[in-house]
Amino acid sequence: MVDPAVPDMADTGVAAEELKQFIERIERLEEEKAALAGDIKEVFAELKGRGFDAKAVRTILRIRKKDHAERQEEEAILELYMQALGMA
């Protein structure tokens, strides 16, 4: 059953062209994302080659994305839990 609220793409050349443009933009962005992921992988390889711990750097990157208050709250909870387990 055809939904009358959805225009028929075959009859609307403008809508089809617009859709094609969106898809092509997404494809270009996906290519750029893949290239950036490759660049990041190279930086991590260089980092490891210089003796740095990649896992620690990834943790630091994750922490730096958070705002100060969020970081403080997480650290306080972690410290509380570690104390409760006798790990502090």
PDB file of N, CA and C in Angstrom:
ATOM      1  N   MET A   1       0.843  -1.182   0.000  1.00  0.00           N
ATOM      2  CA  MET A   1       0.000   0.000   0.000  1.00  0.00           C
ATOM      3  C   MET A   1       0.886   1.242   0.000  1.00  0.00           C
ATOM      4  N   VAL A   2       0.550   2.205  -0.841  1.00  0.00           N
ATOM      5  CA  VAL A   2       1.314   3.432  -0.988  1.00  0.00           C
ATOM      6  C   VAL A   2       0.779   4.471  -0.014  1.00  0.00           C
ATOM      7  N   ASP A   3       1.662   5.073   0.735  1.00  0.00           N
ATOM      8  CA  ASP A   3       1.292   6.128   1.688  1.00  0.00           C
ATOM      9  C   ASP A   3       1.149   7.434   0.904  1.00  0.00           C
ATOM     10  N   PRO A   4      -0.035   8.037   0.906  1.00  0.00           N
ATOM     11  CA  PRO A   4      -0.228   9.279   0.142  1.00  0.00           C
ATOM     12  C   PRO A   4       0.576  10.444   0.703  1.00  0.00           C
ATOM     13  N   ALA A   5       1.015  10.378   1.946  1.00  0.00           N
ATOM     14  CA  ALA A   5       1.796  11.457   2.544  1.00  0.00           C
ATOM     15  C   ALA A   5       3.241  11.447   2.060  1.00  0.00           C
ATOM     16  N   VAL A   6       3.710  10.322   1.521  1.00  0.00           N
ATOM     17  CA  VAL A   6       5.079  10.205   1.033  1.00  0.00           C
ATOM     18  C   VAL A   6       5.067  10.415  -0.474  1.00  0.00           C
ATOM     19  N   PRO A   7       5.826  11.438  -0.959  1.00  0.00           N
ATOM     20  CA  PRO A   7       5.824  11.687  -2.403  1.00  0.00           C
ATOM     21  C   PRO A   7       6.507  10.552  -3.156  1.00  0.00           C
ATOM     22  N   ASP A   8       5.997  10.272  -4.333  1.00  0.00           N
ATOM     23  CA  ASP A   8       6.584   9.245  -5.194  1.00  0.00           C
ATOM     24  C   ASP A   8       7.861   9.818  -5.806  1.00  0.00           C
ATOM     25  N   MET A   9       9.006   9.193  -5.494  1.00  0.00           N
ATOM     26  CA  MET A   9      10.298   9.715  -5.948  1.00  0.00           C
ATOM     27  C   MET A   9      10.393   9.738  -7.466  1.00  0.00           C
ATOM     28  N   ALA A  10       9.755   8.810  -8.128  1.00  0.00           N
ATOM     29  CA  ALA A  10       9.812   8.764  -9.588  1.00  0.00           C
ATOM     30  C   ALA A  10       9.150   9.996 -10.204  1.00  0.00           C
ATOM     31  N   ASP A  11       8.142  10.547  -9.517  1.00  0.00           N
ATOM     32  CA  ASP A  11       7.419  11.705 -10.049  1.00  0.00           C
ATOM     33  C   ASP A  11       8.031  13.026  -9.611  1.00  0.00           C
ATOM     34  N   THR A  12       8.951  13.004  -8.671  1.00  0.00           N
ATOM     35  CA  THR A  12       9.506  14.253  -8.154  1.00  0.00           C
ATOM     36  C   THR A  12      11.004  14.279  -8.388  1.00  0.00           C
ATOM     37  N   GLY A  13      11.409  14.726  -9.545  1.00  0.00           N
ATOM     38  CA  GLY A  13      12.818  14.788  -9.908  1.00  0.00           C
ATOM     39  C   GLY A  13      13.644  15.598  -8.941  1.00  0.00           C
ATOM     40  N   VAL A  14      13.085  16.669  -8.400  1.00  0.00           N
ATOM     41  CA  VAL A  14      13.806  17.506  -7.449  1.00  0.00           C
ATOM     42  C   VAL A  14      14.096  16.728  -6.172  1.00  0.00           C
ATOM     43  N   ALA A  15      13.133  16.006  -5.654  1.00  0.00           N
ATOM     44  CA  ALA A  15      13.328  15.238  -4.425  1.00  0.00           C
ATOM     45  C   ALA A  15      14.357  14.140  -4.643  1.00  0.00           C
ATOM     46  N   ALA A  16      14.317  13.485  -5.775  1.00  0.00           N
ATOM     47  CA  ALA A  16      15.267  12.418  -6.061  1.00  0.00           C
ATOM     48  C   ALA A  16      16.680  12.983  -6.159  1.00  0.00           C
ATOM     49  N   GLU A  17      16.827  14.129  -6.802  1.00  0.00           N
ATOM     50  CA  GLU A  17      18.146  14.761  -6.924  1.00  0.00           C
ATOM     51  C   GLU A  17      18.653  15.205  -5.553  1.00  0.00           C
ATOM     52  N   GLU A  18      17.758  15.731  -4.735  1.00  0.00           N
ATOM     53  CA  GLU A  18      18.142  16.151  -3.390  1.00  0.00           C
ATOM     54  C   GLU A  18      18.606  14.945  -2.556  1.00  0.00           C
ATOM     55  N   LEU A  19      17.881  13.847  -2.673  1.00  0.00           N
ATOM     56  CA  LEU A  19      18.257  12.625  -1.969  1.00  0.00           C
ATOM     57  C   LEU A  19      19.629  12.144  -2.426  1.00  0.00           C
ATOM     58  N   LYS A  20      19.854  12.184  -3.731  1.00  0.00           N
ATOM     59  CA  LYS A  20      21.142  11.766  -4.281  1.00  0.00           C
ATOM     60  C   LYS A  20      22.271  12.637  -3.731  1.00  0.00           C
ATOM     61  N   GLN A  21      22.038  13.939  -3.602  1.00  0.00           N
ATOM     62  CA  GLN A  21      23.043  14.850  -3.067  1.00  0.00           C
ATOM     63  C   GLN A  21      23.357  14.533  -1.601  1.00  0.00           C
ATOM     64  N   PHE A  22      22.320  14.239  -0.831  1.00  0.00           N
ATOM     65  CA  PHE A  22      22.539  13.860   0.568  1.00  0.00           C
ATOM     66  C   PHE A  22      23.383  12.589   0.656  1.00  0.00           C
ATOM     67  N   ILE A  23      23.048  11.613  -0.133  1.00  0.00           N
ATOM     68  CA  ILE A  23      23.776  10.344  -0.122  1.00  0.00           C
ATOM     69  C   ILE A  23      25.228  10.552  -0.522  1.00  0.00           C
ATOM     70  N   GLU A  24      25.461  11.359  -1.548  1.00  0.00           N
ATOM     71  CA  GLU A  24      26.829  11.619  -1.982  1.00  0.00           C
ATOM     72  C   GLU A  24      27.617  12.368  -0.916  1.00  0.00           C
ATOM     73  N   ARG A  25      26.988  13.308  -0.217  1.00  0.00           N
ATOM     74  CA  ARG A  25      27.657  14.017   0.883  1.00  0.00           C
ATOM     75  C   ARG A  25      28.039  13.049   1.993  1.00  0.00           C
ATOM     76  N   ILE A  26      27.113  12.161   2.335  1.00  0.00           N
ATOM     77  CA  ILE A  26      27.390  11.173   3.383  1.00  0.00           C
ATOM     78  C   ILE A  26      28.541  10.269   2.961  1.00  0.00           C
ATOM     79  N   GLU A  27      28.546   9.855   1.705  1.00  0.00           N
ATOM     80  CA  GLU A  27      29.629   9.002   1.209  1.00  0.00           C
ATOM     81  C   GLU A  27      30.978   9.711   1.298  1.00  0.00           C
ATOM     82  N   ARG A  28      31.021  11.000   0.933  1.00  0.00           N
ATOM     83  CA  ARG A  28      32.268  11.761   1.027  1.00  0.00           C
ATOM     84  C   ARG A  28      32.723  11.883   2.478  1.00  0.00           C
ATOM     85  N   LEU A  29      31.779  12.142   3.385  1.00  0.00           N
ATOM     86  CA  LEU A  29      32.114  12.258   4.800  1.00  0.00           C
ATOM     87  C   LEU A  29      32.611  10.929   5.365  1.00  0.00           C
ATOM     88  N   GLU A  30      32.016   9.829   4.924  1.00  0.00           N
ATOM     89  CA  GLU A  30      32.472   8.509   5.358  1.00  0.00           C
ATOM     90  C   GLU A  30      33.915   8.264   4.892  1.00  0.00           C
ATOM     91  N   GLU A  31      34.242   8.699   3.668  1.00  0.00           N
ATOM     92  CA  GLU A  31      35.605   8.560   3.164  1.00  0.00           C
ATOM     93  C   GLU A  31      36.571   9.388   4.001  1.00  0.00           C
ATOM     94  N   GLU A  32      36.165  10.619   4.345  1.00  0.00           N
ATOM     95  CA  GLU A  32      36.995  11.483   5.182  1.00  0.00           C
ATOM     96  C   GLU A  32      37.182  10.875   6.565  1.00  0.00           C
ATOM     97  N   LYS A  33      36.108  10.295   7.103  1.00  0.00           N
ATOM     98  CA  LYS A  33      36.180   9.666   8.420  1.00  0.00           C
ATOM     99  C   LYS A  33      37.166   8.501   8.395  1.00  0.00           C
ATOM    100  N   ALA A  34      37.138   7.706   7.337  1.00  0.00           N
ATOM    101  CA  ALA A  34      38.058   6.574   7.217  1.00  0.00           C
ATOM    102  C   ALA A  34      39.500   7.067   7.124  1.00  0.00           C
ATOM    103  N   ALA A  35      39.713   8.150   6.388  1.00  0.00           N
ATOM    104  CA  ALA A  35      41.060   8.709   6.262  1.00  0.00           C
ATOM    105  C   ALA A  35      41.541   9.226   7.623  1.00  0.00           C
ATOM    106  N   LEU A  36      40.667   9.899   8.356  1.00  0.00           N
ATOM    107  CA  LEU A  36      41.038  10.396   9.682  1.00  0.00           C
ATOM    108  C   LEU A  36      41.327   9.251  10.644  1.00  0.00           C
ATOM    109  N   ALA A  37      40.538   8.192  10.563  1.00  0.00           N
ATOM    110  CA  ALA A  37      40.774   7.037  11.426  1.00  0.00           C
ATOM    111  C   ALA A  37      42.153   6.441  11.133  1.00  0.00           C
ATOM    112  N   GLY A  38      42.524   6.417   9.868  1.00  0.00           N
ATOM    113  CA  GLY A  38      43.855   5.938   9.491  1.00  0.00           C
ATOM    114  C   GLY A  38      44.948   6.837  10.045  1.00  0.00           C
ATOM    115  N   ASP A  39      44.719   8.152   9.990  1.00  0.00           N
ATOM    116  CA  ASP A  39      45.687   9.110  10.537  1.00  0.00           C
ATOM    117  C   ASP A  39      45.851   8.912  12.042  1.00  0.00           C
ATOM    118  N   ILE A  40      44.733   8.712  12.740  1.00  0.00           N
ATOM    119  CA  ILE A  40      44.773   8.506  14.192  1.00  0.00           C
ATOM    120  C   ILE A  40      45.527   7.221  14.514  1.00  0.00           C
ATOM    121  N   LYS A  41      45.293   6.186  13.726  1.00  0.00           N
ATOM    122  CA  LYS A  41      45.992   4.911  13.927  1.00  0.00           C
ATOM    123  C   LYS A  41      47.498   5.109  13.772  1.00  0.00           C
ATOM    124  N   GLU A  42      47.901   5.901  12.796  1.00  0.00           N
ATOM    125  CA  GLU A  42      49.322   6.183  12.588  1.00  0.00           C
ATOM    126  C   GLU A  42      49.922   6.929  13.775  1.00  0.00           C
ATOM    127  N   VAL A  43      49.184   7.891  14.324  1.00  0.00           N
ATOM    128  CA  VAL A  43      49.670   8.647  15.479  1.00  0.00           C
ATOM    129  C   VAL A  43      49.840   7.716  16.677  1.00  0.00           C
ATOM    130  N   PHE A  44      48.880   6.805  16.882  1.00  0.00           N
ATOM    131  CA  PHE A  44      49.006   5.846  17.981  1.00  0.00           C
ATOM    132  C   PHE A  44      50.201   4.918  17.769  1.00  0.00           C
ATOM    133  N   ALA A  45      50.457   4.525  16.538  1.00  0.00           N
ATOM    134  CA  ALA A  45      51.619   3.678  16.259  1.00  0.00           C
ATOM    135  C   ALA A  45      52.910   4.437  16.580  1.00  0.00           C
ATOM    136  N   GLU A  46      52.950   5.706  16.198  1.00  0.00           N
ATOM    137  CA  GLU A  46      54.120   6.544  16.502  1.00  0.00           C
ATOM    138  C   GLU A  46      54.282   6.719  18.013  1.00  0.00           C
ATOM    139  N   LEU A  47      53.169   6.936  18.687  1.00  0.00           N
ATOM    140  CA  LEU A  47      53.144   7.096  20.137  1.00  0.00           C
ATOM    141  C   LEU A  47      53.711   5.850  20.822  1.00  0.00           C
ATOM    142  N   LYS A  48      53.238   4.672  20.377  1.00  0.00           N
ATOM    143  CA  LYS A  48      53.719   3.410  20.948  1.00  0.00           C
ATOM    144  C   LYS A  48      55.202   3.209  20.627  1.00  0.00           C
ATOM    145  N   GLY A  49      55.595   3.609  19.437  1.00  0.00           N
ATOM    146  CA  GLY A  49      56.998   3.490  19.041  1.00  0.00           C
ATOM    147  C   GLY A  49      57.925   4.338  19.895  1.00  0.00           C
ATOM    148  N   ARG A  50      57.385   5.409  20.438  1.00  0.00           N
ATOM    149  CA  ARG A  50      58.171   6.287  21.306  1.00  0.00           C
ATOM    150  C   ARG A  50      58.110   5.852  22.764  1.00  0.00           C
ATOM    151  N   GLY A  51      57.424   4.724  23.046  1.00  0.00           N
ATOM    152  CA  GLY A  51      57.416   4.168  24.385  1.00  0.00           C
ATOM    153  C   GLY A  51      56.234   4.564  25.261  1.00  0.00           C
ATOM    154  N   PHE A  52      55.264   5.279  24.707  1.00  0.00           N
ATOM    155  CA  PHE A  52      54.087   5.662  25.484  1.00  0.00           C
ATOM    156  C   PHE A  52      53.059   4.528  25.485  1.00  0.00           C
ATOM    157  N   ASP A  53      52.255   4.478  26.523  1.00  0.00           N
ATOM    158  CA  ASP A  53      51.225   3.449  26.661  1.00  0.00           C
ATOM    159  C   ASP A  53      49.946   3.941  25.977  1.00  0.00           C
ATOM    160  N   ALA A  54      49.555   3.274  24.906  1.00  0.00           N
ATOM    161  CA  ALA A  54      48.392   3.700  24.118  1.00  0.00           C
ATOM    162  C   ALA A  54      47.101   3.616  24.929  1.00  0.00           C
ATOM    163  N   LYS A  55      46.978   2.595  25.769  1.00  0.00           N
ATOM    164  CA  LYS A  55      45.769   2.438  26.576  1.00  0.00           C
ATOM    165  C   LYS A  55      45.615   3.614  27.537  1.00  0.00           C
ATOM    166  N   ALA A  56      46.708   4.033  28.168  1.00  0.00           N
ATOM    167  CA  ALA A  56      46.657   5.179  29.076  1.00  0.00           C
ATOM    168  C   ALA A  56      46.303   6.457  28.322  1.00  0.00           C
ATOM    169  N   VAL A  57      46.851   6.610  27.126  1.00  0.00           N
ATOM    170  CA  VAL A  57      46.555   7.807  26.325  1.00  0.00           C
ATOM    171  C   VAL A  57      45.089   7.818  25.913  1.00  0.00           C
ATOM    172  N   ARG A  58      44.540   6.672  25.554  1.00  0.00           N
ATOM    173  CA  ARG A  58      43.113   6.602  25.200  1.00  0.00           C
ATOM    174  C   ARG A  58      42.247   6.980  26.399  1.00  0.00           C
ATOM    175  N   THR A  59      42.660   6.537  27.589  1.00  0.00           N
ATOM    176  CA  THR A  59      41.933   6.899  28.813  1.00  0.00           C
ATOM    177  C   THR A  59      41.989   8.398  29.042  1.00  0.00           C
ATOM    178  N   ILE A  60      43.153   8.988  28.867  1.00  0.00           N
ATOM    179  CA  ILE A  60      43.300  10.437  29.029  1.00  0.00           C
ATOM    180  C   ILE A  60      42.420  11.178  28.031  1.00  0.00           C
ATOM    181  N   LEU A  61      42.397  10.724  26.786  1.00  0.00           N
ATOM    182  CA  LEU A  61      41.556  11.370  25.772  1.00  0.00           C
ATOM    183  C   LEU A  61      40.081  11.307  26.168  1.00  0.00           C
ATOM    184  N   ARG A  62      39.653  10.155  26.682  1.00  0.00           N
ATOM    185  CA  ARG A  62      38.263   9.994  27.117  1.00  0.00           C
ATOM    186  C   ARG A  62      37.948  10.938  28.283  1.00  0.00           C
ATOM    187  N   ILE A  63      38.890  11.054  29.215  1.00  0.00           N
ATOM    188  CA  ILE A  63      38.697  11.930  30.375  1.00  0.00           C
ATOM    189  C   ILE A  63      38.633  13.390  29.943  1.00  0.00           C
ATOM    190  N   ARG A  64      39.499  13.778  29.016  1.00  0.00           N
ATOM    191  CA  ARG A  64      39.554  15.189  28.584  1.00  0.00           C
ATOM    192  C   ARG A  64      38.283  15.643  27.864  1.00  0.00           C
ATOM    193  N   LYS A  65      37.509  14.703  27.356  1.00  0.00           N
ATOM    194  CA  LYS A  65      36.261  15.056  26.682  1.00  0.00           C
ATOM    195  C   LYS A  65      35.177  15.483  27.677  1.00  0.00           C
ATOM    196  N   LYS A  66      35.358  15.095  28.943  1.00  0.00           N
ATOM    197  CA  LYS A  66      34.338  15.379  29.961  1.00  0.00           C
ATOM    198  C   LYS A  66      34.605  16.730  30.599  1.00  0.00           C
ATOM    199  N   ASP A  67      33.545  17.371  31.081  1.00  0.00           N
ATOM    200  CA  ASP A  67      33.763  18.636  31.775  1.00  0.00           C
ATOM    201  C   ASP A  67      34.279  18.363  33.196  1.00  0.00           C
ATOM    202  N   HIS A  68      34.794  19.394  33.824  1.00  0.00           N
ATOM    203  CA  HIS A  68      35.455  19.269  35.118  1.00  0.00           C
ATOM    204  C   HIS A  68      34.545  18.662  36.183  1.00  0.00           C
ATOM    205  N   ALA A  69      33.304  19.129  36.265  1.00  0.00           N
ATOM    206  CA  ALA A  69      32.369  18.640  37.289  1.00  0.00           C
ATOM    207  C   ALA A  69      32.081  17.150  37.103  1.00  0.00           C
ATOM    208  N   GLU A  70      31.880  16.739  35.875  1.00  0.00           N
ATOM    209  CA  GLU A  70      31.606  15.330  35.587  1.00  0.00           C
ATOM    210  C   GLU A  70      32.801  14.464  35.977  1.00  0.00           C
ATOM    211  N   ARG A  71      34.012  14.964  35.656  1.00  0.00           N
ATOM    212  CA  ARG A  71      35.235  14.247  36.021  1.00  0.00           C
ATOM    213  C   ARG A  71      35.372  14.109  37.531  1.00  0.00           C
ATOM    214  N   GLN A  72      35.112  15.198  38.244  1.00  0.00           N
ATOM    215  CA  GLN A  72      35.229  15.175  39.706  1.00  0.00           C
ATOM    216  C   GLN A  72      34.254  14.176  40.320  1.00  0.00           C
ATOM    217  N   GLU A  73      33.030  14.161  39.810  1.00  0.00           N
ATOM    218  CA  GLU A  73      32.021  13.243  40.328  1.00  0.00           C
ATOM    219  C   GLU A  73      32.450  11.792  40.107  1.00  0.00           C
ATOM    220  N   GLU A  74      32.923  11.476  38.903  1.00  0.00           N
ATOM    221  CA  GLU A  74      33.367  10.115  38.610  1.00  0.00           C
ATOM    222  C   GLU A  74      34.550   9.714  39.488  1.00  0.00           C
ATOM    223  N   GLU A  75      35.486  10.638  39.668  1.00  0.00           N
ATOM    224  CA  GLU A  75      36.656  10.347  40.494  1.00  0.00           C
ATOM    225  C   GLU A  75      36.252  10.110  41.946  1.00  0.00           C
ATOM    226  N   ALA A  76      35.302  10.899  42.443  1.00  0.00           N
ATOM    227  CA  ALA A  76      34.840  10.746  43.830  1.00  0.00           C
ATOM    228  C   ALA A  76      34.160   9.390  44.022  1.00  0.00           C
ATOM    229  N   ILE A  77      33.340   9.002  43.075  1.00  0.00           N
ATOM    230  CA  ILE A  77      32.653   7.707  43.164  1.00  0.00           C
ATOM    231  C   ILE A  77      33.667   6.574  43.095  1.00  0.00           C
ATOM    232  N   LEU A  78      34.613   6.686  42.181  1.00  0.00           N
ATOM    233  CA  LEU A  78      35.640   5.661  42.057  1.00  0.00           C
ATOM    234  C   LEU A  78      36.441   5.541  43.358  1.00  0.00           C
ATOM    235  N   GLU A  79      36.836   6.661  43.928  1.00  0.00           N
ATOM    236  CA  GLU A  79      37.587   6.655  45.188  1.00  0.00           C
ATOM    237  C   GLU A  79      36.767   6.020  46.310  1.00  0.00           C
ATOM    238  N   LEU A  80      35.486   6.367  46.393  1.00  0.00           N
ATOM    239  CA  LEU A  80      34.596   5.798  47.408  1.00  0.00           C
ATOM    240  C   LEU A  80      34.513   4.277  47.270  1.00  0.00           C
ATOM    241  N   TYR A  81      34.324   3.803  46.050  1.00  0.00           N
ATOM    242  CA  TYR A  81      34.222   2.366  45.803  1.00  0.00           C
ATOM    243  C   TYR A  81      35.539   1.661  46.132  1.00  0.00           C
ATOM    244  N   MET A  82      36.659   2.278  45.753  1.00  0.00           N
ATOM    245  CA  MET A  82      37.956   1.667  46.040  1.00  0.00           C
ATOM    246  C   MET A  82      38.198   1.584  47.543  1.00  0.00           C
ATOM    247  N   GLN A  83      37.796   2.609  48.275  1.00  0.00           N
ATOM    248  CA  GLN A  83      37.915   2.580  49.732  1.00  0.00           C
ATOM    249  C   GLN A  83      37.045   1.483  50.316  1.00  0.00           C
ATOM    250  N   ALA A  84      35.844   1.348  49.814  1.00  0.00           N
ATOM    251  CA  ALA A  84      34.920   0.329  50.310  1.00  0.00           C
ATOM    252  C   ALA A  84      35.476  -1.078  50.094  1.00  0.00           C
ATOM    253  N   LEU A  85      36.269  -1.250  49.041  1.00  0.00           N
ATOM    254  CA  LEU A  85      36.860  -2.549  48.721  1.00  0.00           C
ATOM    255  C   LEU A  85      38.258  -2.720  49.313  1.00  0.00           C
ATOM    256  N   GLY A  86      38.707  -1.723  50.082  1.00  0.00           N
ATOM    257  CA  GLY A  86      40.019  -1.789  50.687  1.00  0.00           C
ATOM    258  C   GLY A  86      41.156  -1.648  49.688  1.00  0.00           C
ATOM    259  N   MET A  87      40.910  -0.939  48.607  1.00  0.00           N
ATOM    260  CA  MET A  87      41.909  -0.799  47.552  1.00  0.00           C
ATOM    261  C   MET A  87      42.626   0.537  47.603  1.00  0.00           C
ATOM    262  N   ALA A  88      42.182   1.448  48.451  1.00  0.00           N
ATOM    263  CA  ALA A  88      42.770   2.798  48.477  1.00  0.00           C
ATOM    264  C   ALA A  88      43.996   2.866  49.355  1.00  0.00           C
TER     265      ALA A  88
END
